[in-house]
Amino acid sequence: MYRRAILAAAILAAIAASSCRRETALQVRYLPELVAKSHDVLPSTTIAILPVTGALASGEYRVGAIYNPDGSLRTSLAVRDVGALVTQAVARCLSDAGLKASIADSTPAGSRFTLATEIESIAVDKHFAAEQTIHGQYFTMVARVKLRFTLSSSGHPNLYSVTTNGIETEPPQPVGGEAFLPLETEPAESLSVAMSRAIGALVLQPDFRRALAG
């Protein structure tokens, strides 16, 4: 009887440990209409988009977690092969902006510019609180994406370089004493917003526009 009790306790402990290690792979997506004034603002010139690089570009890795009100881990959050997604998103963003963008492993003949992208950081955390509202359990969530872009031409291997940051904070900060409901409730959507902002921010850079026009 004593051994059975020990065995049952060990099984319950294993189940509890397993539940604490649960991991969710986030389905992140690019939101092409998110960044204002990023459409049809660049010259119609050719640019080759190189595959995204960096330690975070391929494979599966943890980017954050969801936490219970007491601070304990509820679910780990991960992304998988996000470099390919960012590569496609950058090409879409620059095409929408007016460039003739194409994805290539190296600078193709006839392409005036080449753009390299590196993922420097990507993270999202969601913290539940004990407070309950009419809309459910209160929480805070922050997603951050940091990208490094390097624009090159045939005569200038480092024509322009910039680091952009995309941030999404939920719920939005109060304005004039007025509080707002969360716009995004899921970590995948929050991270999608942050990623889209980091990519769209490149088009808004005045020096990037001048480099393409020069």
C-alpha atoms as a PDB file:
ATOM      1  CA  MET A   1       0.000   0.000   0.000  1.00  0.00           C
ATOM      2  CA  TYR A   2       2.841   2.376   0.920  1.00  0.00           C
ATOM      3  CA  ARG A   3       4.644   1.618  -2.344  1.00  0.00           C
ATOM      4  CA  ARG A   4       1.458   2.250  -4.312  1.00  0.00           C
ATOM      5  CA  ALA A   5       1.100   5.634  -2.631  1.00  0.00           C
ATOM      6  CA  ILE A   6       4.672   6.543  -3.504  1.00  0.00           C
ATOM      7  CA  LEU A   7       4.149   5.416  -7.104  1.00  0.00           C
ATOM      8  CA  ALA A   8       0.931   7.437  -7.389  1.00  0.00           C
ATOM      9  CA  ALA A   9       2.659  10.514  -5.978  1.00  0.00           C
ATOM     10  CA  ALA A  10       5.511  10.098  -8.462  1.00  0.00           C
ATOM     11  CA  ILE A  11       3.084   9.830 -11.375  1.00  0.00           C
ATOM     12  CA  LEU A  12       1.222  12.959 -10.254  1.00  0.00           C
ATOM     13  CA  ALA A  13       4.503  14.827  -9.886  1.00  0.00           C
ATOM     14  CA  ALA A  14       5.550  13.773 -13.382  1.00  0.00           C
ATOM     15  CA  ILE A  15       2.224  14.923 -14.812  1.00  0.00           C
ATOM     16  CA  ALA A  16       2.517  18.256 -13.014  1.00  0.00           C
ATOM     17  CA  ALA A  17       6.079  18.741 -14.239  1.00  0.00           C
ATOM     18  CA  SER A  18       5.017  17.877 -17.755  1.00  0.00           C
ATOM     19  CA  SER A  19       2.165  20.406 -17.675  1.00  0.00           C
ATOM     20  CA  CYS A  20       4.567  23.108 -16.520  1.00  0.00           C
ATOM     21  CA  ARG A  21       6.768  22.399 -19.540  1.00  0.00           C
ATOM     22  CA  ARG A  22       3.965  22.745 -22.075  1.00  0.00           C
ATOM     23  CA  GLU A  23       5.063  24.678 -25.118  1.00  0.00           C
ATOM     24  CA  THR A  24       2.964  26.380 -27.762  1.00  0.00           C
ATOM     25  CA  ALA A  25       4.356  27.039 -31.245  1.00  0.00           C
ATOM     26  CA  LEU A  26       3.028  30.430 -32.343  1.00  0.00           C
ATOM     27  CA  GLN A  27       1.619  30.935 -35.831  1.00  0.00           C
ATOM     28  CA  VAL A  28       2.977  34.399 -36.602  1.00  0.00           C
ATOM     29  CA  ARG A  29       1.843  36.267 -39.726  1.00  0.00           C
ATOM     30  CA  TYR A  30       2.611  39.483 -41.551  1.00  0.00           C
ATOM     31  CA  LEU A  31      -0.053  42.224 -41.479  1.00  0.00           C
ATOM     32  CA  PRO A  32       0.428  44.242 -44.686  1.00  0.00           C
ATOM     33  CA  GLU A  33      -2.038  47.029 -43.876  1.00  0.00           C
ATOM     34  CA  LEU A  34      -0.727  47.775 -40.383  1.00  0.00           C
ATOM     35  CA  VAL A  35       1.895  50.499 -40.929  1.00  0.00           C
ATOM     36  CA  ALA A  36       0.430  53.723 -42.279  1.00  0.00           C
ATOM     37  CA  LYS A  37       2.161  55.620 -45.113  1.00  0.00           C
ATOM     38  CA  SER A  38       4.186  52.571 -46.175  1.00  0.00           C
ATOM     39  CA  HIS A  39       2.374  51.851 -49.480  1.00  0.00           C
ATOM     40  CA  ASP A  40       3.349  53.258 -52.889  1.00  0.00           C
ATOM     41  CA  VAL A  41       6.003  55.585 -51.474  1.00  0.00           C
ATOM     42  CA  LEU A  42       9.229  54.140 -52.974  1.00  0.00           C
ATOM     43  CA  PRO A  43      10.621  54.321 -56.522  1.00  0.00           C
ATOM     44  CA  SER A  44       9.904  51.476 -58.918  1.00  0.00           C
ATOM     45  CA  THR A  45      13.409  50.010 -58.923  1.00  0.00           C
ATOM     46  CA  THR A  46      14.639  46.423 -58.592  1.00  0.00           C
ATOM     47  CA  ILE A  47      15.810  45.036 -55.269  1.00  0.00           C
ATOM     48  CA  ALA A  48      16.866  41.512 -54.284  1.00  0.00           C
ATOM     49  CA  ILE A  49      15.745  40.326 -50.845  1.00  0.00           C
ATOM     50  CA  LEU A  50      18.274  37.928 -49.339  1.00  0.00           C
ATOM     51  CA  PRO A  51      17.136  35.141 -46.984  1.00  0.00           C
ATOM     52  CA  VAL A  52      16.993  36.372 -43.402  1.00  0.00           C
ATOM     53  CA  THR A  53      20.025  35.475 -41.289  1.00  0.00           C
ATOM     54  CA  GLY A  54      20.857  35.298 -37.600  1.00  0.00           C
ATOM     55  CA  ALA A  55      20.784  32.658 -34.886  1.00  0.00           C
ATOM     56  CA  LEU A  56      17.015  33.113 -34.545  1.00  0.00           C
ATOM     57  CA  ALA A  57      16.196  32.666 -38.238  1.00  0.00           C
ATOM     58  CA  SER A  58      15.877  28.885 -38.347  1.00  0.00           C
ATOM     59  CA  GLY A  59      14.884  26.046 -36.059  1.00  0.00           C
ATOM     60  CA  GLU A  60      12.543  26.208 -33.084  1.00  0.00           C
ATOM     61  CA  TYR A  61      13.293  28.313 -30.048  1.00  0.00           C
ATOM     62  CA  ARG A  62      11.488  29.798 -27.086  1.00  0.00           C
ATOM     63  CA  VAL A  63      10.486  33.452 -27.378  1.00  0.00           C
ATOM     64  CA  GLY A  64       8.537  33.909 -24.155  1.00  0.00           C
ATOM     65  CA  ALA A  65       5.797  32.511 -21.963  1.00  0.00           C
ATOM     66  CA  ILE A  66       2.370  32.931 -20.408  1.00  0.00           C
ATOM     67  CA  TYR A  67       2.447  33.348 -16.618  1.00  0.00           C
ATOM     68  CA  ASN A  68      -0.156  32.721 -13.931  1.00  0.00           C
ATOM     69  CA  PRO A  69      -1.115  35.431 -11.412  1.00  0.00           C
ATOM     70  CA  ASP A  70       1.359  33.991  -8.885  1.00  0.00           C
ATOM     71  CA  GLY A  71       4.196  34.274 -11.414  1.00  0.00           C
ATOM     72  CA  SER A  72       4.390  30.561 -12.167  1.00  0.00           C
ATOM     73  CA  LEU A  73       4.797  29.361 -15.717  1.00  0.00           C
ATOM     74  CA  ARG A  74       1.592  28.399 -17.508  1.00  0.00           C
ATOM     75  CA  THR A  75       2.852  27.858 -21.079  1.00  0.00           C
ATOM     76  CA  SER A  76       6.128  28.393 -22.899  1.00  0.00           C
ATOM     77  CA  LEU A  77       5.872  30.149 -26.270  1.00  0.00           C
ATOM     78  CA  ALA A  78       8.032  29.263 -29.267  1.00  0.00           C
ATOM     79  CA  VAL A  79       8.446  30.084 -32.944  1.00  0.00           C
ATOM     80  CA  ARG A  80       9.675  27.819 -35.699  1.00  0.00           C
ATOM     81  CA  ASP A  81      11.707  28.799 -38.800  1.00  0.00           C
ATOM     82  CA  VAL A  82      10.605  32.411 -38.476  1.00  0.00           C
ATOM     83  CA  GLY A  83      13.388  33.573 -40.838  1.00  0.00           C
ATOM     84  CA  ALA A  84      11.502  32.298 -43.876  1.00  0.00           C
ATOM     85  CA  LEU A  85       8.390  34.172 -42.740  1.00  0.00           C
ATOM     86  CA  VAL A  86      10.305  37.427 -42.270  1.00  0.00           C
ATOM     87  CA  THR A  87      11.965  37.035 -45.684  1.00  0.00           C
ATOM     88  CA  GLN A  88       8.583  36.724 -47.378  1.00  0.00           C
ATOM     89  CA  ALA A  89       7.182  39.577 -45.298  1.00  0.00           C
ATOM     90  CA  VAL A  90      10.037  41.953 -46.185  1.00  0.00           C
ATOM     91  CA  ALA A  91       9.564  41.190 -49.894  1.00  0.00           C
ATOM     92  CA  ARG A  92       5.819  41.814 -49.587  1.00  0.00           C
ATOM     93  CA  CYS A  93       6.334  45.041 -47.650  1.00  0.00           C
ATOM     94  CA  LEU A  94       8.791  46.502 -50.174  1.00  0.00           C
ATOM     95  CA  SER A  95       6.631  45.414 -53.102  1.00  0.00           C
ATOM     96  CA  ASP A  96       3.637  47.160 -51.535  1.00  0.00           C
ATOM     97  CA  ALA A  97       5.852  50.211 -51.039  1.00  0.00           C
ATOM     98  CA  GLY A  98       6.529  50.383 -54.782  1.00  0.00           C
ATOM     99  CA  LEU A  99       9.791  48.520 -55.311  1.00  0.00           C
ATOM    100  CA  LYS A 100      10.234  45.578 -57.677  1.00  0.00           C
ATOM    101  CA  ALA A 101      11.260  43.141 -54.959  1.00  0.00           C
ATOM    102  CA  SER A 102      12.249  39.520 -55.460  1.00  0.00           C
ATOM    103  CA  ILE A 103      13.750  36.901 -53.131  1.00  0.00           C
ATOM    104  CA  ALA A 104      17.157  35.569 -54.180  1.00  0.00           C
ATOM    105  CA  ASP A 105      20.052  33.656 -52.588  1.00  0.00           C
ATOM    106  CA  SER A 106      22.465  36.213 -54.034  1.00  0.00           C
ATOM    107  CA  THR A 107      22.293  39.437 -56.016  1.00  0.00           C
ATOM    108  CA  PRO A 108      20.773  38.522 -59.393  1.00  0.00           C
ATOM    109  CA  ALA A 109      21.874  40.162 -62.617  1.00  0.00           C
ATOM    110  CA  GLY A 110      19.886  43.290 -63.308  1.00  0.00           C
ATOM    111  CA  SER A 111      18.976  43.991 -59.691  1.00  0.00           C
ATOM    112  CA  ARG A 112      20.047  47.466 -58.654  1.00  0.00           C
ATOM    113  CA  PHE A 113      19.927  46.899 -54.895  1.00  0.00           C
ATOM    114  CA  THR A 114      20.257  44.061 -52.400  1.00  0.00           C
ATOM    115  CA  LEU A 115      18.713  43.990 -48.924  1.00  0.00           C
ATOM    116  CA  ALA A 116      19.995  41.762 -46.118  1.00  0.00           C
ATOM    117  CA  THR A 117      17.944  41.261 -42.949  1.00  0.00           C
ATOM    118  CA  GLU A 118      18.990  39.870 -39.579  1.00  0.00           C
ATOM    119  CA  ILE A 119      16.690  38.993 -36.683  1.00  0.00           C
ATOM    120  CA  GLU A 120      18.347  40.446 -33.595  1.00  0.00           C
ATOM    121  CA  SER A 121      15.615  39.624 -31.092  1.00  0.00           C
ATOM    122  CA  ILE A 122      12.025  38.421 -30.881  1.00  0.00           C
ATOM    123  CA  ALA A 123      10.017  38.022 -27.682  1.00  0.00           C
ATOM    124  CA  VAL A 124       6.500  37.985 -26.240  1.00  0.00           C
ATOM    125  CA  ASP A 125       5.303  37.552 -22.650  1.00  0.00           C
ATOM    126  CA  LYS A 126       1.788  37.515 -21.231  1.00  0.00           C
ATOM    127  CA  HIS A 127       1.128  37.944 -17.491  1.00  0.00           C
ATOM    128  CA  PHE A 128      -2.264  37.187 -16.007  1.00  0.00           C
ATOM    129  CA  ALA A 129      -3.367  39.050 -12.876  1.00  0.00           C
ATOM    130  CA  ALA A 130      -5.763  37.962 -10.164  1.00  0.00           C
ATOM    131  CA  GLU A 131      -8.240  40.750 -11.006  1.00  0.00           C
ATOM    132  CA  GLN A 132     -11.340  39.840 -12.960  1.00  0.00           C
ATOM    133  CA  THR A 133     -13.196  42.265 -15.224  1.00  0.00           C
ATOM    134  CA  ILE A 134     -16.461  41.962 -17.127  1.00  0.00           C
ATOM    135  CA  HIS A 135     -14.333  40.979 -20.108  1.00  0.00           C
ATOM    136  CA  GLY A 136     -12.456  38.220 -18.285  1.00  0.00           C
ATOM    137  CA  GLN A 137      -9.229  37.875 -16.369  1.00  0.00           C
ATOM    138  CA  TYR A 138      -6.985  40.933 -16.506  1.00  0.00           C
ATOM    139  CA  PHE A 139      -3.594  40.551 -18.186  1.00  0.00           C
ATOM    140  CA  THR A 140      -0.674  42.510 -19.581  1.00  0.00           C
ATOM    141  CA  MET A 141       1.278  41.467 -22.668  1.00  0.00           C
ATOM    142  CA  VAL A 142       4.315  42.849 -24.471  1.00  0.00           C
ATOM    143  CA  ALA A 143       5.742  41.683 -27.814  1.00  0.00           C
ATOM    144  CA  ARG A 144       9.029  42.961 -29.248  1.00  0.00           C
ATOM    145  CA  VAL A 145      10.834  42.353 -32.533  1.00  0.00           C
ATOM    146  CA  LYS A 146      14.193  43.886 -33.462  1.00  0.00           C
ATOM    147  CA  LEU A 147      15.518  43.656 -37.030  1.00  0.00           C
ATOM    148  CA  ARG A 148      18.752  44.781 -38.673  1.00  0.00           C
ATOM    149  CA  PHE A 149      18.595  45.832 -42.334  1.00  0.00           C
ATOM    150  CA  THR A 150      21.567  46.439 -44.651  1.00  0.00           C
ATOM    151  CA  LEU A 151      21.042  47.892 -48.120  1.00  0.00           C
ATOM    152  CA  SER A 152      23.754  47.349 -50.738  1.00  0.00           C
ATOM    153  CA  SER A 153      24.356  48.295 -54.356  1.00  0.00           C
ATOM    154  CA  SER A 154      26.979  47.157 -56.853  1.00  0.00           C
ATOM    155  CA  GLY A 155      29.288  50.004 -55.887  1.00  0.00           C
ATOM    156  CA  HIS A 156      28.450  50.239 -52.186  1.00  0.00           C
ATOM    157  CA  PRO A 157      28.329  47.005 -50.122  1.00  0.00           C
ATOM    158  CA  ASN A 158      27.046  48.946 -47.095  1.00  0.00           C
ATOM    159  CA  LEU A 159      25.014  51.729 -48.661  1.00  0.00           C
ATOM    160  CA  TYR A 160      22.603  52.044 -45.737  1.00  0.00           C
ATOM    161  CA  SER A 161      22.048  50.192 -42.478  1.00  0.00           C
ATOM    162  CA  VAL A 162      19.448  50.559 -39.751  1.00  0.00           C
ATOM    163  CA  THR A 163      17.946  48.695 -36.804  1.00  0.00           C
ATOM    164  CA  THR A 164      14.174  48.842 -36.415  1.00  0.00           C
ATOM    165  CA  ASN A 165      12.034  47.936 -33.436  1.00  0.00           C
ATOM    166  CA  GLY A 166       8.443  46.751 -33.413  1.00  0.00           C
ATOM    167  CA  ILE A 167       6.579  46.810 -30.096  1.00  0.00           C
ATOM    168  CA  GLU A 168       3.028  45.841 -29.194  1.00  0.00           C
ATOM    169  CA  THR A 169       1.792  46.472 -25.639  1.00  0.00           C
ATOM    170  CA  GLU A 170      -1.537  45.249 -24.278  1.00  0.00           C
ATOM    171  CA  PRO A 171      -3.721  46.698 -23.026  1.00  0.00           C
ATOM    172  CA  PRO A 172      -2.976  50.100 -24.620  1.00  0.00           C
ATOM    173  CA  GLN A 173      -1.751  52.802 -22.265  1.00  0.00           C
ATOM    174  CA  PRO A 174      -4.556  54.978 -20.805  1.00  0.00           C
ATOM    175  CA  VAL A 175      -4.990  58.384 -22.463  1.00  0.00           C
ATOM    176  CA  GLY A 176      -6.422  61.270 -20.478  1.00  0.00           C
ATOM    177  CA  GLY A 177      -7.494  58.926 -17.725  1.00  0.00           C
ATOM    178  CA  GLU A 178      -9.431  56.743 -20.160  1.00  0.00           C
ATOM    179  CA  ALA A 179      -8.510  53.042 -20.136  1.00  0.00           C
ATOM    180  CA  PHE A 180      -8.775  50.859 -23.217  1.00  0.00           C
ATOM    181  CA  LEU A 181      -9.572  47.200 -23.768  1.00  0.00           C
ATOM    182  CA  PRO A 182      -6.838  44.996 -25.250  1.00  0.00           C
ATOM    183  CA  LEU A 183      -6.711  45.050 -29.043  1.00  0.00           C
ATOM    184  CA  GLU A 184      -4.963  41.681 -29.128  1.00  0.00           C
ATOM    185  CA  THR A 185      -5.459  38.867 -26.642  1.00  0.00           C
ATOM    186  CA  GLU A 186      -3.348  36.110 -28.210  1.00  0.00           C
ATOM    187  CA  PRO A 187       0.483  36.120 -28.093  1.00  0.00           C
ATOM    188  CA  ALA A 188       0.689  35.057 -31.761  1.00  0.00           C
ATOM    189  CA  GLU A 189      -1.315  38.097 -32.861  1.00  0.00           C
ATOM    190  CA  SER A 190       0.613  40.442 -30.587  1.00  0.00           C
ATOM    191  CA  LEU A 191       3.902  39.134 -31.989  1.00  0.00           C
ATOM    192  CA  SER A 192       2.502  39.465 -35.527  1.00  0.00           C
ATOM    193  CA  VAL A 193       1.814  43.143 -34.883  1.00  0.00           C
ATOM    194  CA  ALA A 194       5.312  43.729 -33.478  1.00  0.00           C
ATOM    195  CA  MET A 195       6.954  41.954 -36.421  1.00  0.00           C
ATOM    196  CA  SER A 196       4.883  43.865 -38.972  1.00  0.00           C
ATOM    197  CA  ARG A 197       5.769  47.162 -37.326  1.00  0.00           C
ATOM    198  CA  ALA A 198       9.489  46.343 -37.323  1.00  0.00           C
ATOM    199  CA  ILE A 199       9.372  45.520 -41.038  1.00  0.00           C
ATOM    200  CA  GLY A 200       7.186  48.469 -42.021  1.00  0.00           C
ATOM    201  CA  ALA A 201       9.419  50.854 -40.068  1.00  0.00           C
ATOM    202  CA  LEU A 202      12.141  50.348 -42.692  1.00  0.00           C
ATOM    203  CA  VAL A 203      10.007  52.013 -45.377  1.00  0.00           C
ATOM    204  CA  LEU A 204       9.434  55.029 -43.116  1.00  0.00           C
ATOM    205  CA  GLN A 205      13.158  55.776 -42.730  1.00  0.00           C
ATOM    206  CA  PRO A 206      14.033  58.976 -44.680  1.00  0.00           C
ATOM    207  CA  ASP A 207      17.639  57.843 -45.241  1.00  0.00           C
ATOM    208  CA  PHE A 208      16.437  54.535 -46.681  1.00  0.00           C
ATOM    209  CA  ARG A 209      14.255  56.385 -49.170  1.00  0.00           C
ATOM    210  CA  ARG A 210      17.108  58.711 -50.119  1.00  0.00           C
ATOM    211  CA  ALA A 211      19.485  55.779 -50.627  1.00  0.00           C
ATOM    212  CA  LEU A 212      17.045  54.141 -53.052  1.00  0.00           C
ATOM    213  CA  ALA A 213      16.499  57.389 -54.936  1.00  0.00           C
ATOM    214  CA  GLY A 214      20.199  58.219 -55.253  1.00  0.00           C
END
